[in-house]
PDB file of N, CA and C in Angstrom:
ATOM      1  N   ASP A   1      86.658  51.494 134.087  1.00  0.00           N
ATOM      2  CA  ASP A   1      88.011  51.820 133.669  1.00  0.00           C
ATOM      3  C   ASP A   1      88.167  53.339 133.537  1.00  0.00           C
ATOM      4  N   LYS A   2      87.208  53.984 132.900  1.00  0.00           N
ATOM      5  CA  LYS A   2      87.278  55.429 132.740  1.00  0.00           C
ATOM      6  C   LYS A   2      87.096  56.140 134.078  1.00  0.00           C
ATOM      7  N   ARG A   3      86.363  55.517 134.990  1.00  0.00           N
ATOM      8  CA  ARG A   3      86.141  56.136 136.296  1.00  0.00           C
ATOM      9  C   ARG A   3      87.442  56.308 137.067  1.00  0.00           C
ATOM     10  N   VAL A   4      88.381  55.392 136.877  1.00  0.00           N
ATOM     11  CA  VAL A   4      89.682  55.489 137.550  1.00  0.00           C
ATOM     12  C   VAL A   4      90.421  56.730 137.080  1.00  0.00           C
ATOM     13  N   TYR A   5      90.426  56.951 135.769  1.00  0.00           N
ATOM     14  CA  TYR A   5      91.118  58.116 135.207  1.00  0.00           C
ATOM     15  C   TYR A   5      90.421  59.413 135.596  1.00  0.00           C
ATOM     16  N   LEU A   6      89.098  59.389 135.613  1.00  0.00           N
ATOM     17  CA  LEU A   6      88.360  60.588 136.031  1.00  0.00           C
ATOM     18  C   LEU A   6      88.603  60.900 137.502  1.00  0.00           C
ATOM     19  N   GLY A   7      88.702  59.856 138.319  1.00  0.00           N
ATOM     20  CA  GLY A   7      88.987  60.056 139.740  1.00  0.00           C
ATOM     21  C   GLY A   7      90.401  60.572 139.970  1.00  0.00           C
ATOM     22  N   ALA A   8      91.327  60.193 139.088  1.00  0.00           N
ATOM     23  CA  ALA A   8      92.721  60.623 139.225  1.00  0.00           C
ATOM     24  C   ALA A   8      92.917  62.069 138.795  1.00  0.00           C
ATOM     25  N   LEU A   9      91.971  62.608 138.038  1.00  0.00           N
ATOM     26  CA  LEU A   9      92.115  63.979 137.545  1.00  0.00           C
ATOM     27  C   LEU A   9      92.225  65.003 138.669  1.00  0.00           C
ATOM     28  N   LYS A  10      91.580  64.745 139.803  1.00  0.00           N
ATOM     29  CA  LYS A  10      91.645  65.743 140.878  1.00  0.00           C
ATOM     30  C   LYS A  10      93.020  65.789 141.544  1.00  0.00           C
ATOM     31  N   TYR A  11      93.854  64.770 141.311  1.00  0.00           N
ATOM     32  CA  TYR A  11      95.198  64.762 141.885  1.00  0.00           C
ATOM     33  C   TYR A  11      96.267  65.253 140.911  1.00  0.00           C
ATOM     34  N   VAL A  12      95.885  65.582 139.690  1.00  0.00           N
ATOM     35  CA  VAL A  12      96.851  66.021 138.679  1.00  0.00           C
ATOM     36  C   VAL A  12      97.580  67.306 139.086  1.00  0.00           C
ATOM     37  N   PRO A  13      96.894  68.330 139.647  1.00  0.00           N
ATOM     38  CA  PRO A  13      97.651  69.520 140.056  1.00  0.00           C
ATOM     39  C   PRO A  13      98.739  69.223 141.083  1.00  0.00           C
ATOM     40  N   HIS A  14      98.453  68.323 142.022  1.00  0.00           N
ATOM     41  CA  HIS A  14      99.461  67.961 143.019  1.00  0.00           C
ATOM     42  C   HIS A  14     100.619  67.204 142.365  1.00  0.00           C
ATOM     43  N   ALA A  15     100.304  66.331 141.419  1.00  0.00           N
ATOM     44  CA  ALA A  15     101.355  65.582 140.722  1.00  0.00           C
ATOM     45  C   ALA A  15     102.255  66.524 139.934  1.00  0.00           C
ATOM     46  N   VAL A  16     101.669  67.538 139.294  1.00  0.00           N
ATOM     47  CA  VAL A  16     102.458  68.502 138.521  1.00  0.00           C
ATOM     48  C   VAL A  16     103.319  69.341 139.453  1.00  0.00           C
ATOM     49  N   LEU A  17     102.757  69.742 140.601  1.00  0.00           N
ATOM     50  CA  LEU A  17     103.527  70.504 141.587  1.00  0.00           C
ATOM     51  C   LEU A  17     104.740  69.709 142.065  1.00  0.00           C
ATOM     52  N   LYS A  18     104.536  68.444 142.388  1.00  0.00           N
ATOM     53  CA  LYS A  18     105.655  67.613 142.850  1.00  0.00           C
ATOM     54  C   LYS A  18     106.689  67.415 141.742  1.00  0.00           C
ATOM     55  N   LEU A  19     106.230  67.362 140.505  1.00  0.00           N
ATOM     56  CA  LEU A  19     107.155  67.203 139.386  1.00  0.00           C
ATOM     57  C   LEU A  19     108.009  68.456 139.207  1.00  0.00           C
ATOM     58  N   LEU A  20     107.371  69.625 139.256  1.00  0.00           N
ATOM     59  CA  LEU A  20     108.117  70.883 139.113  1.00  0.00           C
ATOM     60  C   LEU A  20     109.051  71.129 140.294  1.00  0.00           C
ATOM     61  N   GLU A  21     108.597  70.727 141.474  1.00  0.00           N
ATOM     62  CA  GLU A  21     109.389  70.902 142.693  1.00  0.00           C
ATOM     63  C   GLU A  21     110.699  70.116 142.614  1.00  0.00           C
ATOM     64  N   ASN A  22     110.655  68.968 141.969  1.00  0.00           N
ATOM     65  CA  ASN A  22     111.822  68.084 141.910  1.00  0.00           C
ATOM     66  C   ASN A  22     112.549  68.133 140.579  1.00  0.00           C
ATOM     67  N   MET A  23     112.279  69.160 139.791  1.00  0.00           N
ATOM     68  CA  MET A  23     112.970  69.316 138.517  1.00  0.00           C
ATOM     69  C   MET A  23     114.449  69.607 138.784  1.00  0.00           C
ATOM     70  N   PRO A  24     115.357  69.027 138.004  1.00  0.00           N
ATOM     71  CA  PRO A  24     116.775  69.301 138.254  1.00  0.00           C
ATOM     72  C   PRO A  24     117.134  70.768 138.018  1.00  0.00           C
ATOM     73  N   MET A  25     118.000  71.272 138.862  1.00  0.00           N
ATOM     74  CA  MET A  25     118.454  72.648 138.727  1.00  0.00           C
ATOM     75  C   MET A  25     119.487  72.733 137.598  1.00  0.00           C
ATOM     76  N   PRO A  26     119.765  73.928 137.094  1.00  0.00           N
ATOM     77  CA  PRO A  26     120.701  74.049 135.961  1.00  0.00           C
ATOM     78  C   PRO A  26     122.098  73.495 136.249  1.00  0.00           C
ATOM     79  N   TRP A  27     122.494  73.450 137.511  1.00  0.00           N
ATOM     80  CA  TRP A  27     123.839  72.954 137.825  1.00  0.00           C
ATOM     81  C   TRP A  27     123.847  71.445 138.049  1.00  0.00           C
ATOM     82  N   GLU A  28     122.706  70.778 137.964  1.00  0.00           N
ATOM     83  CA  GLU A  28     122.637  69.323 138.112  1.00  0.00           C
ATOM     84  C   GLU A  28     122.483  68.680 136.740  1.00  0.00           C
ATOM     85  N   GLN A  29     123.248  67.640 136.484  1.00  0.00           N
ATOM     86  CA  GLN A  29     123.112  66.923 135.223  1.00  0.00           C
ATOM     87  C   GLN A  29     121.883  66.023 135.247  1.00  0.00           C
ATOM     88  N   VAL A  30     121.717  65.283 136.346  1.00  0.00           N
ATOM     89  CA  VAL A  30     120.632  64.313 136.478  1.00  0.00           C
ATOM     90  C   VAL A  30     120.124  64.359 137.903  1.00  0.00           C
ATOM     91  N   ARG A  31     118.830  64.171 138.083  1.00  0.00           N
ATOM     92  CA  ARG A  31     118.277  64.028 139.433  1.00  0.00           C
ATOM     93  C   ARG A  31     117.405  62.781 139.448  1.00  0.00           C
ATOM     94  N   ASN A  32     117.814  61.798 140.230  1.00  0.00           N
ATOM     95  CA  ASN A  32     117.030  60.576 140.375  1.00  0.00           C
ATOM     96  C   ASN A  32     116.102  60.731 141.570  1.00  0.00           C
ATOM     97  N   VAL A  33     114.836  60.431 141.377  1.00  0.00           N
ATOM     98  CA  VAL A  33     113.841  60.557 142.441  1.00  0.00           C
ATOM     99  C   VAL A  33     113.016  59.282 142.525  1.00  0.00           C
ATOM    100  N   ARG A  34     112.416  59.090 143.706  1.00  0.00           N
ATOM    101  CA  ARG A  34     111.489  57.971 143.871  1.00  0.00           C
ATOM    102  C   ARG A  34     110.126  58.408 143.348  1.00  0.00           C
ATOM    103  N   VAL A  35     109.430  57.476 142.726  1.00  0.00           N
ATOM    104  CA  VAL A  35     108.084  57.779 142.239  1.00  0.00           C
ATOM    105  C   VAL A  35     107.096  56.788 142.812  1.00  0.00           C
ATOM    106  N   LEU A  36     105.843  57.212 142.847  1.00  0.00           N
ATOM    107  CA  LEU A  36     104.762  56.408 143.388  1.00  0.00           C
ATOM    108  C   LEU A  36     103.728  56.228 142.281  1.00  0.00           C
ATOM    109  N   TYR A  37     103.531  54.980 141.850  1.00  0.00           N
ATOM    110  CA  TYR A  37     102.585  54.682 140.779  1.00  0.00           C
ATOM    111  C   TYR A  37     101.272  54.198 141.370  1.00  0.00           C
ATOM    112  N   HIS A  38     100.172  54.559 140.738  1.00  0.00           N
ATOM    113  CA  HIS A  38      98.887  53.981 141.120  1.00  0.00           C
ATOM    114  C   HIS A  38      98.824  52.571 140.542  1.00  0.00           C
ATOM    115  N   VAL A  39      98.063  51.702 141.182  1.00  0.00           N
ATOM    116  CA  VAL A  39      97.984  50.304 140.750  1.00  0.00           C
ATOM    117  C   VAL A  39      97.513  50.197 139.302  1.00  0.00           C
ATOM    118  N   THR A  40      96.572  51.048 138.927  1.00  0.00           N
ATOM    119  CA  THR A  40      96.034  50.995 137.566  1.00  0.00           C
ATOM    120  C   THR A  40      96.898  51.768 136.578  1.00  0.00           C
ATOM    121  N   GLY A  41      97.859  52.542 137.060  1.00  0.00           N
ATOM    122  CA  GLY A  41      98.686  53.359 136.183  1.00  0.00           C
ATOM    123  C   GLY A  41      98.015  54.658 135.803  1.00  0.00           C
ATOM    124  N   ALA A  42      96.949  55.017 136.528  1.00  0.00           N
ATOM    125  CA  ALA A  42      96.200  56.224 136.195  1.00  0.00           C
ATOM    126  C   ALA A  42      96.984  57.494 136.503  1.00  0.00           C
ATOM    127  N   ILE A  43      97.824  57.460 137.542  1.00  0.00           N
ATOM    128  CA  ILE A  43      98.569  58.674 137.922  1.00  0.00           C
ATOM    129  C   ILE A  43      99.889  58.272 138.574  1.00  0.00           C
ATOM    130  N   THR A  44     100.844  59.123 138.469  1.00  0.00           N
ATOM    131  CA  THR A  44     102.177  58.898 139.053  1.00  0.00           C
ATOM    132  C   THR A  44     102.586  60.142 139.823  1.00  0.00           C
ATOM    133  N   PHE A  45     103.089  59.957 141.027  1.00  0.00           N
ATOM    134  CA  PHE A  45     103.568  61.056 141.854  1.00  0.00           C
ATOM    135  C   PHE A  45     105.059  60.926 142.079  1.00  0.00           C
ATOM    136  N   VAL A  46     105.755  62.063 142.167  1.00  0.00           N
ATOM    137  CA  VAL A  46     107.148  62.061 142.622  1.00  0.00           C
ATOM    138  C   VAL A  46     107.087  62.020 144.133  1.00  0.00           C
ATOM    139  N   ASP A  47     107.685  60.998 144.719  1.00  0.00           N
ATOM    140  CA  ASP A  47     107.563  60.747 146.158  1.00  0.00           C
ATOM    141  C   ASP A  47     108.813  61.234 146.888  1.00  0.00           C
ATOM    142  N   GLU A  48     109.144  62.498 146.712  1.00  0.00           N
ATOM    143  CA  GLU A  48     110.344  63.025 147.354  1.00  0.00           C
ATOM    144  C   GLU A  48     110.158  64.505 147.657  1.00  0.00           C
ATOM    145  N   ILE A  49     110.768  64.952 148.747  1.00  0.00           N
ATOM    146  CA  ILE A  49     110.718  66.365 149.116  1.00  0.00           C
ATOM    147  C   ILE A  49     112.130  66.918 148.997  1.00  0.00           C
ATOM    148  N   PRO A  50     112.330  67.950 148.171  1.00  0.00           N
ATOM    149  CA  PRO A  50     113.687  68.487 148.023  1.00  0.00           C
ATOM    150  C   PRO A  50     114.100  69.298 149.254  1.00  0.00           C
ATOM    151  N   TRP A  51     115.181  68.907 149.870  1.00  0.00           N
ATOM    152  CA  TRP A  51     115.729  69.641 151.013  1.00  0.00           C
ATOM    153  C   TRP A  51     116.898  70.466 150.527  1.00  0.00           C
ATOM    154  N   VAL A  52     116.863  71.766 150.792  1.00  0.00           N
ATOM    155  CA  VAL A  52     117.942  72.639 150.343  1.00  0.00           C
ATOM    156  C   VAL A  52     118.464  73.467 151.500  1.00  0.00           C
ATOM    157  N   CYS A  53     119.749  73.768 151.435  1.00  0.00           N
ATOM    158  CA  CYS A  53     120.361  74.695 152.385  1.00  0.00           C
ATOM    159  C   CYS A  53     120.298  76.070 151.729  1.00  0.00           C
ATOM    160  N   GLU A  54     119.574  76.975 152.340  1.00  0.00           N
ATOM    161  CA  GLU A  54     119.248  78.265 151.711  1.00  0.00           C
ATOM    162  C   GLU A  54     120.468  79.045 151.203  1.00  0.00           C
ATOM    163  N   PRO A  55     121.534  79.252 152.017  1.00  0.00           N
ATOM    164  CA  PRO A  55     122.661  80.052 151.498  1.00  0.00           C
ATOM    165  C   PRO A  55     123.364  79.392 150.307  1.00  0.00           C
ATOM    166  N   ILE A  56     123.497  78.073 150.348  1.00  0.00           N
ATOM    167  CA  ILE A  56     124.160  77.364 149.253  1.00  0.00           C
ATOM    168  C   ILE A  56     123.296  77.451 147.995  1.00  0.00           C
ATOM    169  N   TYR A  57     121.982  77.291 148.162  1.00  0.00           N
ATOM    170  CA  TYR A  57     121.046  77.377 147.042  1.00  0.00           C
ATOM    171  C   TYR A  57     121.118  78.749 146.379  1.00  0.00           C
ATOM    172  N   LEU A  58     121.111  79.801 147.186  1.00  0.00           N
ATOM    173  CA  LEU A  58     121.187  81.157 146.639  1.00  0.00           C
ATOM    174  C   LEU A  58     122.514  81.400 145.931  1.00  0.00           C
ATOM    175  N   ALA A  59     123.600  80.867 146.503  1.00  0.00           N
ATOM    176  CA  ALA A  59     124.915  81.037 145.875  1.00  0.00           C
ATOM    177  C   ALA A  59     124.972  80.305 144.540  1.00  0.00           C
ATOM    178  N   GLN A  60     124.413  79.100 144.477  1.00  0.00           N
ATOM    179  CA  GLN A  60     124.429  78.345 143.216  1.00  0.00           C
ATOM    180  C   GLN A  60     123.588  79.041 142.152  1.00  0.00           C
ATOM    181  N   TRP A  61     122.421  79.560 142.548  1.00  0.00           N
ATOM    182  CA  TRP A  61     121.590  80.253 141.577  1.00  0.00           C
ATOM    183  C   TRP A  61     122.253  81.544 141.113  1.00  0.00           C
ATOM    184  N   GLY A  62     122.920  82.236 142.034  1.00  0.00           N
ATOM    185  CA  GLY A  62     123.634  83.456 141.651  1.00  0.00           C
ATOM    186  C   GLY A  62     124.712  83.181 140.632  1.00  0.00           C
ATOM    187  N   THR A  63     125.464  82.109 140.845  1.00  0.00           N
ATOM    188  CA  THR A  63     126.519  81.724 139.912  1.00  0.00           C
ATOM    189  C   THR A  63     125.938  81.338 138.553  1.00  0.00           C
ATOM    190  N   MET A  64     124.861  80.547 138.588  1.00  0.00           N
ATOM    191  CA  MET A  64     124.243  80.133 137.322  1.00  0.00           C
ATOM    192  C   MET A  64     123.655  81.326 136.582  1.00  0.00           C
ATOM    193  N   TRP A  65     123.097  82.275 137.312  1.00  0.00           N
ATOM    194  CA  TRP A  65     122.509  83.465 136.694  1.00  0.00           C
ATOM    195  C   TRP A  65     123.579  84.250 135.939  1.00  0.00           C
ATOM    196  N   ILE A  66     124.730  84.416 136.588  1.00  0.00           N
ATOM    197  CA  ILE A  66     125.835  85.136 135.957  1.00  0.00           C
ATOM    198  C   ILE A  66     126.336  84.379 134.728  1.00  0.00           C
ATOM    199  N   MET A  67     126.458  83.043 134.848  1.00  0.00           N
ATOM    200  CA  MET A  67     126.945  82.243 133.717  1.00  0.00           C
ATOM    201  C   MET A  67     125.969  82.277 132.543  1.00  0.00           C
ATOM    202  N   MET A  68     124.662  82.199 132.834  1.00  0.00           N
ATOM    203  CA  MET A  68     123.680  82.240 131.752  1.00  0.00           C
ATOM    204  C   MET A  68     123.632  83.621 131.092  1.00  0.00           C
ATOM    205  N   ARG A  69     123.792  84.665 131.906  1.00  0.00           N
ATOM    206  CA  ARG A  69     123.809  86.018 131.353  1.00  0.00           C
ATOM    207  C   ARG A  69     125.028  86.203 130.452  1.00  0.00           C
ATOM    208  N   ARG A  70     126.172  85.700 130.894  1.00  0.00           N
ATOM    209  CA  ARG A  70     127.395  85.774 130.092  1.00  0.00           C
ATOM    210  C   ARG A  70     127.256  84.972 128.802  1.00  0.00           C
ATOM    211  N   GLU A  71     126.647  83.788 128.900  1.00  0.00           N
ATOM    212  CA  GLU A  71     126.420  82.950 127.722  1.00  0.00           C
ATOM    213  C   GLU A  71     125.519  83.659 126.723  1.00  0.00           C
ATOM    214  N   LYS A  72     124.473  84.300 127.220  1.00  0.00           N
ATOM    215  CA  LYS A  72     123.559  85.007 126.323  1.00  0.00           C
ATOM    216  C   LYS A  72     124.251  86.197 125.659  1.00  0.00           C
ATOM    217  N   ARG A  73     125.103  86.872 126.427  1.00  0.00           N
ATOM    218  CA  ARG A  73     125.825  88.021 125.876  1.00  0.00           C
ATOM    219  C   ARG A  73     126.785  87.578 124.777  1.00  0.00           C
ATOM    220  N   ASP A  74     127.534  86.508 125.042  1.00  0.00           N
ATOM    221  CA  ASP A  74     128.522  86.036 124.075  1.00  0.00           C
ATOM    222  C   ASP A  74     127.898  85.216 122.952  1.00  0.00           C
ATOM    223  N   ARG A  75     126.738  84.647 123.184  1.00  0.00           N
ATOM    224  CA  ARG A  75     125.974  83.883 122.193  1.00  0.00           C
ATOM    225  C   ARG A  75     126.794  82.773 121.531  1.00  0.00           C
ATOM    226  N   ARG A  76     127.487  81.982 122.339  1.00  0.00           N
ATOM    227  CA  ARG A  76     128.270  80.883 121.760  1.00  0.00           C
ATOM    228  C   ARG A  76     127.354  79.760 121.282  1.00  0.00           C
ATOM    229  N   HIS A  77     126.383  79.392 122.109  1.00  0.00           N
ATOM    230  CA  HIS A  77     125.504  78.270 121.773  1.00  0.00           C
ATOM    231  C   HIS A  77     124.097  78.761 121.444  1.00  0.00           C
ATOM    232  N   PHE A  78     123.992  79.984 120.993  1.00  0.00           N
ATOM    233  CA  PHE A  78     122.674  80.559 120.722  1.00  0.00           C
ATOM    234  C   PHE A  78     122.734  81.367 119.446  1.00  0.00           C
ATOM    235  N   LYS A  79     121.924  80.996 118.506  1.00  0.00           N
ATOM    236  CA  LYS A  79     121.863  81.732 117.242  1.00  0.00           C
ATOM    237  C   LYS A  79     120.448  82.268 117.080  1.00  0.00           C
ATOM    238  N   ARG A  80     120.338  83.499 116.653  1.00  0.00           N
ATOM    239  CA  ARG A  80     119.018  84.053 116.371  1.00  0.00           C
ATOM    240  C   ARG A  80     118.495  83.449 115.076  1.00  0.00           C
ATOM    241  N   MET A  81     117.196  83.207 115.064  1.00  0.00           N
ATOM    242  CA  MET A  81     116.581  82.662 113.860  1.00  0.00           C
ATOM    243  C   MET A  81     116.425  83.785 112.851  1.00  0.00           C
ATOM    244  N   ARG A  82     116.769  83.499 111.593  1.00  0.00           N
ATOM    245  CA  ARG A  82     116.629  84.493 110.538  1.00  0.00           C
ATOM    246  C   ARG A  82     115.578  83.994 109.557  1.00  0.00           C
ATOM    247  N   PHE A  83     114.532  84.754 109.439  1.00  0.00           N
ATOM    248  CA  PHE A  83     113.471  84.392 108.519  1.00  0.00           C
ATOM    249  C   PHE A  83     113.670  85.140 107.216  1.00  0.00           C
ATOM    250  N   PRO A  84     113.249  84.558 106.125  1.00  0.00           N
ATOM    251  CA  PRO A  84     113.360  85.298 104.868  1.00  0.00           C
ATOM    252  C   PRO A  84     112.448  86.525 104.875  1.00  0.00           C
ATOM    253  N   PRO A  85     112.868  87.628 104.255  1.00  0.00           N
ATOM    254  CA  PRO A  85     112.053  88.854 104.291  1.00  0.00           C
ATOM    255  C   PRO A  85     110.780  88.762 103.465  1.00  0.00           C
TER     256      PRO A  85
END
């Protein structure tokens, strides 16, 4: 039983890479992806490759960058933590 988990450890970096690769972007509310489970449940992979159109991707990130910068400047949903002196 433990041998299955030890054998799955060598695939963990790839599983993490696929997870980060398919993380939803700031302009997406939800991203549904297909996943691939091992029979024993030792490891799970995201079984999808994100296809992006480069100019649209850059434009969306540019817009989000400006919006996040404006949000940080105005600090509507961000309060600095104040610790007692």
